[in-house]
Amino acid sequence: MIQYDKKCNLKFVLIAFFMCSSLFSQEELVYKQLDSIALKMYIYSPENIDTSKKHPAIVFFFGGGWNEGSVKQFEPHAKYFAKRGLVCFLVDYRVKKRHETTPFESLKDAKSAMRFIRQNAINYHIDSEKIVASGGSAGGQLAAATALISAYNETTDDETIDCKPNALVLFNPAIDNGPGGVGFDRVKDDYQNFSPIHNIKKGTPPTIIFLGTKDALIPVETINKYQNLMKKVGSICEVHLYEGKTHGFFNYNKFDNYKDTLLKADAFLQSIGYLNVNPKIEVE
């Protein structure tokens, strides 16, 4: 009986070892230190990454109204895109509940993270001309703002390093921070230098946006306006509306929506040359 248990335990250990060996490597590092605050990012790289080549990257910013939130929101997305060959980053940043900060500090951190990744592109085998910024809600605002907003840079940042992503994947993004928009009560008259929709310009990176038609925070009209402004400056802006869906409809706990938006984001990245044709990797 004891021998049987040992065999079972050994079998369990071997199975666990095999499963662990097939998981993606994850690295955790501090990208920014502010007095006692250490801001981290979490890296998912493709398994057995070809270090002789440069790979596209995608950087995720969680939602939460610049008040709260967790890097775990986009962990399933990172695991999927790592399988697809992207180097993926989950970025923590300052929020009101944890750090008593404003949306402006959140944006400073997002820009610092983008600069850190581009500065260290060679270390992570990244193509510095193929860095995607992504996020949901306030995180979507941050992703878009790294591309469009020139203000709000950390004094310790090297501004000669470009924080602008090369493409954007946005999930119900809070891109209008002007009067009547998300966060106006906090940014007030600074919205003109903070709100992505008020700063669209020629050269804005190709963008895909996902939105539920019943989103109580982001009106469909806002996304349509954003798309029209993008077209006027000659930039790609692909929009997918989900009938009857509400804010946060794309999260992993709503698996069907998560899967559909994930595969559409994959197809978009294929269309702009960041990914090869989908090799039918299962969405989990």
Protein backbone atom coordinates (compact mmCIF):
# COMPACT_ATOMS: atom_id res chain seq x y z
CA MET A 1 0.00 0.00 0.00
CA ILE A 2 2.81 2.36 0.83
CA GLN A 3 4.58 1.45 -2.40
CA TYR A 4 1.39 2.21 -4.38
CA ASP A 5 1.15 5.65 -2.78
CA LYS A 6 4.75 6.39 -3.67
CA LYS A 7 4.12 5.46 -7.28
CA CYS A 8 1.07 7.68 -7.38
CA ASN A 9 3.01 10.53 -5.84
CA LEU A 10 5.82 10.03 -8.34
CA LYS A 11 3.34 9.99 -11.19
CA PHE A 12 1.78 13.21 -9.87
CA VAL A 13 5.18 14.87 -9.60
CA LEU A 14 6.10 13.88 -13.15
CA ILE A 15 2.80 15.19 -14.49
CA ALA A 16 3.20 18.45 -12.56
CA PHE A 17 6.77 18.81 -13.82
CA PHE A 18 5.65 18.27 -17.41
CA MET A 19 2.86 20.82 -17.04
CA CYS A 20 5.18 23.39 -15.48
CA SER A 21 7.81 22.88 -18.13
CA SER A 22 5.24 23.66 -20.82
CA LEU A 23 4.08 26.90 -19.20
CA PHE A 24 5.22 30.28 -20.41
CA SER A 25 8.13 31.82 -18.64
CA GLN A 26 7.07 34.84 -16.63
CA GLU A 27 9.43 37.53 -15.44
CA GLU A 28 8.62 40.19 -12.87
CA LEU A 29 10.63 43.39 -12.69
CA VAL A 30 10.51 46.95 -11.40
CA TYR A 31 10.35 49.43 -14.27
CA LYS A 32 10.00 52.55 -12.14
CA GLN A 33 10.91 53.48 -8.57
CA LEU A 34 9.31 56.49 -6.88
CA ASP A 35 10.52 56.83 -3.30
CA SER A 36 8.94 53.81 -1.60
CA ILE A 37 6.72 52.91 -4.57
CA ALA A 38 8.09 50.19 -6.84
CA LEU A 39 6.06 49.85 -10.02
CA LYS A 40 6.30 46.46 -11.68
CA MET A 41 5.61 44.85 -15.00
CA TYR A 42 5.07 41.16 -15.67
CA ILE A 43 6.42 39.60 -18.85
CA TYR A 44 5.08 36.64 -20.80
CA SER A 45 7.40 35.58 -23.62
CA PRO A 46 6.78 32.94 -26.28
CA GLU A 47 7.87 29.47 -25.22
CA ASN A 48 11.27 28.63 -26.72
CA ILE A 49 11.53 32.14 -28.14
CA ASP A 50 13.88 32.49 -31.10
CA THR A 51 16.43 34.91 -29.70
CA SER A 52 17.98 35.46 -33.12
CA LYS A 53 14.85 37.31 -34.24
CA LYS A 54 12.97 40.43 -33.18
CA HIS A 55 9.38 39.86 -32.09
CA PRO A 56 6.37 42.17 -31.85
CA ALA A 57 5.28 43.13 -28.33
CA ILE A 58 1.99 44.03 -26.70
CA VAL A 59 1.65 46.10 -23.52
CA PHE A 60 -1.53 45.84 -21.43
CA PHE A 61 -2.93 48.51 -19.08
CA PHE A 62 -5.75 47.38 -16.76
CA GLY A 63 -8.99 49.31 -16.25
CA GLY A 64 -10.50 50.71 -13.08
CA GLY A 65 -11.14 54.41 -13.60
CA TRP A 66 -7.57 55.34 -12.61
CA ASN A 67 -8.84 54.43 -9.11
CA GLU A 68 -8.11 50.71 -8.82
CA GLY A 69 -7.57 47.58 -10.89
CA SER A 70 -5.21 44.66 -11.33
CA VAL A 71 -2.66 43.50 -13.90
CA LYS A 72 -4.43 40.13 -13.78
CA GLN A 73 -7.25 41.55 -15.91
CA PHE A 74 -5.26 40.94 -19.08
CA GLU A 75 -3.32 37.88 -17.98
CA PRO A 76 -5.41 35.54 -20.21
CA HIS A 77 -4.79 37.85 -23.17
CA ALA A 78 -1.06 37.86 -22.47
CA LYS A 79 -0.89 34.07 -22.26
CA TYR A 80 -2.73 33.75 -25.59
CA PHE A 81 -0.63 36.30 -27.45
CA ALA A 82 2.58 34.81 -26.06
CA LYS A 83 1.51 31.57 -27.77
CA ARG A 84 1.08 33.60 -30.94
CA GLY A 85 4.65 34.86 -30.77
CA LEU A 86 4.30 38.25 -29.09
CA VAL A 87 6.28 39.34 -26.06
CA CYS A 88 3.60 40.48 -23.62
CA PHE A 89 3.78 42.97 -20.75
CA LEU A 90 1.26 43.47 -17.94
CA VAL A 91 1.94 46.90 -16.44
CA ASP A 92 1.11 48.11 -12.97
CA TYR A 93 0.68 51.86 -12.50
CA ARG A 94 -0.35 54.28 -9.79
CA VAL A 95 -4.06 54.53 -8.94
CA LYS A 96 -6.02 56.59 -6.44
CA LYS A 97 -6.98 53.87 -3.95
CA ARG A 98 -3.46 52.49 -3.60
CA HIS A 99 -1.37 55.61 -4.09
CA GLU A 100 -3.65 58.65 -3.63
CA THR A 101 -2.85 59.83 -7.15
CA THR A 102 -4.68 61.40 -10.07
CA PRO A 103 -5.15 60.19 -13.67
CA PHE A 104 -2.13 62.32 -14.61
CA GLU A 105 0.22 60.13 -12.55
CA SER A 106 -1.32 57.06 -14.16
CA LEU A 107 -0.46 58.46 -17.58
CA LYS A 108 3.07 59.33 -16.50
CA ASP A 109 3.56 55.72 -15.44
CA ALA A 110 2.12 54.37 -18.69
CA LYS A 111 4.56 56.49 -20.65
CA SER A 112 7.45 55.41 -18.42
CA ALA A 113 6.53 51.78 -19.04
CA MET A 114 6.45 52.24 -22.82
CA ARG A 115 9.84 53.95 -22.74
CA PHE A 116 11.30 51.23 -20.53
CA ILE A 117 10.15 48.53 -22.95
CA ARG A 118 11.46 50.31 -26.02
CA GLN A 119 14.76 51.13 -24.31
CA ASN A 120 15.18 47.47 -23.37
CA ALA A 121 13.84 46.02 -26.60
CA ILE A 122 17.06 44.21 -27.41
CA ASN A 123 17.03 42.44 -24.03
CA TYR A 124 13.57 41.02 -24.65
CA HIS A 125 14.10 40.30 -28.36
CA ILE A 126 11.51 42.90 -29.34
CA ASP A 127 11.04 44.73 -32.60
CA SER A 128 10.93 48.32 -31.32
CA GLU A 129 8.90 49.31 -34.39
CA LYS A 130 6.15 46.81 -33.57
CA ILE A 131 5.03 47.60 -30.05
CA VAL A 132 1.27 47.47 -29.45
CA ALA A 133 -0.40 49.28 -26.54
CA SER A 134 -3.65 47.82 -25.27
CA GLY A 135 -6.05 48.35 -22.40
CA GLY A 136 -9.61 48.47 -21.18
CA SER A 137 -11.63 51.47 -20.00
CA ALA A 138 -9.18 53.79 -18.18
CA GLY A 139 -6.42 51.44 -19.30
CA GLY A 140 -7.60 51.94 -22.86
CA GLN A 141 -7.35 55.68 -22.31
CA LEU A 142 -3.78 55.26 -21.09
CA ALA A 143 -2.84 53.11 -24.07
CA ALA A 144 -4.28 55.68 -26.51
CA ALA A 145 -2.74 58.57 -24.57
CA THR A 146 0.77 57.12 -24.86
CA ALA A 147 0.26 57.53 -28.60
CA LEU A 148 -1.47 60.92 -28.66
CA ILE A 149 -0.62 62.97 -25.57
CA SER A 150 2.65 64.90 -25.39
CA ALA A 151 2.15 66.26 -21.85
CA TYR A 152 2.49 64.45 -18.51
CA ASN A 153 5.96 62.97 -18.60
CA GLU A 154 7.85 61.86 -15.51
CA THR A 155 10.78 64.23 -14.82
CA THR A 156 13.07 61.21 -14.50
CA ASP A 157 12.10 59.85 -17.95
CA ASP A 158 14.45 60.12 -20.89
CA GLU A 159 12.10 61.83 -23.33
CA THR A 160 14.42 61.12 -26.24
CA ILE A 161 13.04 57.57 -26.01
CA ASP A 162 9.70 57.47 -27.82
CA CYS A 163 6.75 56.29 -25.70
CA LYS A 164 4.44 56.13 -28.73
CA PRO A 165 3.18 52.63 -29.60
CA ASN A 166 3.01 51.45 -33.19
CA ALA A 167 -0.54 50.10 -32.93
CA LEU A 168 -3.46 50.16 -30.48
CA VAL A 169 -5.92 47.48 -29.34
CA LEU A 170 -8.58 49.17 -27.20
CA PHE A 171 -11.42 47.64 -25.17
CA ASN A 172 -14.26 50.07 -24.30
CA PRO A 173 -11.64 52.82 -23.92
CA ALA A 174 -12.36 56.00 -21.96
CA ILE A 175 -11.02 58.12 -24.82
CA ASP A 176 -13.17 61.22 -24.25
CA ASN A 177 -12.21 62.99 -21.02
CA GLY A 178 -13.79 66.31 -21.93
CA PRO A 179 -17.07 67.77 -20.63
CA GLY A 180 -19.55 64.93 -20.33
CA GLY A 181 -16.82 62.36 -20.80
CA VAL A 182 -15.23 59.86 -18.42
CA GLY A 183 -12.99 61.46 -15.80
CA PHE A 184 -13.76 65.08 -16.62
CA ASP A 185 -14.62 65.69 -12.96
CA ARG A 186 -11.01 64.80 -12.14
CA VAL A 187 -9.01 66.29 -15.01
CA LYS A 188 -11.25 69.35 -15.55
CA ASP A 189 -9.76 71.97 -17.91
CA ASP A 190 -6.65 69.84 -18.41
CA TYR A 191 -8.76 67.54 -20.59
CA GLN A 192 -7.51 69.35 -23.68
CA ASN A 193 -4.02 68.03 -22.97
CA PHE A 194 -5.16 64.64 -21.62
CA SER A 195 -8.12 63.40 -23.65
CA PRO A 196 -7.18 61.21 -26.66
CA ILE A 197 -10.20 62.17 -28.76
CA HIS A 198 -9.19 65.83 -28.49
CA ASN A 199 -5.64 65.14 -29.68
CA ILE A 200 -5.97 62.92 -32.74
CA LYS A 201 -3.38 63.89 -35.31
CA LYS A 202 -1.77 62.69 -38.49
CA GLY A 203 0.37 59.65 -37.78
CA THR A 204 -1.87 58.20 -35.08
CA PRO A 205 -1.14 54.45 -34.98
CA PRO A 206 -3.55 51.93 -36.54
CA THR A 207 -6.25 51.12 -34.00
CA ILE A 208 -8.94 48.56 -33.27
CA ILE A 209 -11.72 49.34 -30.77
CA PHE A 210 -14.27 47.03 -29.12
CA LEU A 211 -17.42 48.42 -27.47
CA GLY A 212 -20.76 47.17 -26.20
CA THR A 213 -23.75 49.16 -27.41
CA LYS A 214 -25.16 49.33 -23.87
CA ASP A 215 -21.98 50.63 -22.26
CA ALA A 216 -23.11 53.14 -19.63
CA LEU A 217 -19.77 54.99 -19.66
CA ILE A 218 -18.70 55.04 -23.30
CA PRO A 219 -21.41 56.03 -25.80
CA VAL A 220 -21.35 54.48 -29.26
CA GLU A 221 -21.39 58.04 -30.63
CA THR A 222 -18.03 58.71 -28.97
CA ILE A 223 -16.40 55.75 -30.68
CA ASN A 224 -17.99 56.64 -34.03
CA LYS A 225 -16.67 60.19 -33.68
CA TYR A 226 -13.21 58.86 -32.83
CA GLN A 227 -13.26 56.63 -35.89
CA ASN A 228 -14.31 59.52 -38.15
CA LEU A 229 -11.56 61.75 -36.78
CA MET A 230 -9.04 58.96 -37.38
CA LYS A 231 -10.20 58.63 -40.97
CA LYS A 232 -9.78 62.39 -41.48
CA VAL A 233 -6.09 62.18 -40.54
CA GLY A 234 -5.59 59.07 -42.67
CA SER A 235 -5.23 56.52 -39.86
CA ILE A 236 -6.76 53.06 -39.65
CA CYS A 237 -9.48 52.69 -37.03
CA GLU A 238 -11.41 49.43 -37.01
CA VAL A 239 -14.47 49.37 -34.74
CA HIS A 240 -16.45 46.37 -33.52
CA LEU A 241 -19.73 46.97 -31.72
CA TYR A 242 -21.36 44.26 -29.58
CA GLU A 243 -25.11 44.58 -29.47
CA GLY A 244 -26.57 44.83 -25.99
CA LYS A 245 -23.24 44.35 -24.20
CA THR A 246 -22.21 46.51 -21.26
CA HIS A 247 -18.95 47.88 -19.89
CA GLY A 248 -16.31 45.21 -19.37
CA PHE A 249 -18.09 42.72 -21.64
CA PHE A 250 -14.74 41.53 -23.06
CA ASN A 251 -13.23 40.25 -19.80
CA TYR A 252 -12.26 36.61 -19.38
CA ASN A 253 -15.22 35.84 -17.10
CA LYS A 254 -17.47 36.49 -20.12
CA PHE A 255 -15.67 33.86 -22.13
CA ASP A 256 -17.60 34.00 -25.42
CA ASN A 257 -17.05 37.75 -25.70
CA TYR A 258 -13.45 37.39 -24.53
CA LYS A 259 -12.78 34.79 -27.22
CA ASP A 260 -14.47 36.75 -29.99
CA THR A 261 -12.70 40.03 -29.22
CA LEU A 262 -9.39 38.20 -28.81
CA LEU A 263 -9.64 36.55 -32.21
CA LYS A 264 -10.69 39.81 -33.86
CA ALA A 265 -7.68 41.52 -32.26
CA ASP A 266 -5.52 38.68 -33.58
CA ALA A 267 -6.92 39.17 -37.09
CA PHE A 268 -6.29 42.91 -36.85
CA LEU A 269 -2.65 42.34 -35.90
CA GLN A 270 -2.37 39.96 -38.83
CA SER A 271 -3.79 42.63 -41.14
CA ILE A 272 -1.08 45.14 -40.17
CA GLY A 273 1.72 42.60 -40.42
CA TYR A 274 2.40 41.91 -36.74
CA LEU A 275 1.26 38.26 -36.74
CA ASN A 276 1.29 35.43 -39.22
CA VAL A 277 -1.92 33.65 -40.14
CA ASN A 278 -3.45 32.11 -37.03
CA PRO A 279 -2.15 28.56 -36.62
CA LYS A 280 -5.40 27.61 -34.86
CA ILE A 281 -4.07 27.97 -31.34
CA GLU A 282 -6.89 27.15 -28.95
CA VAL A 283 -8.29 30.05 -26.93
CA GLU A 284 -8.40 28.96 -23.30
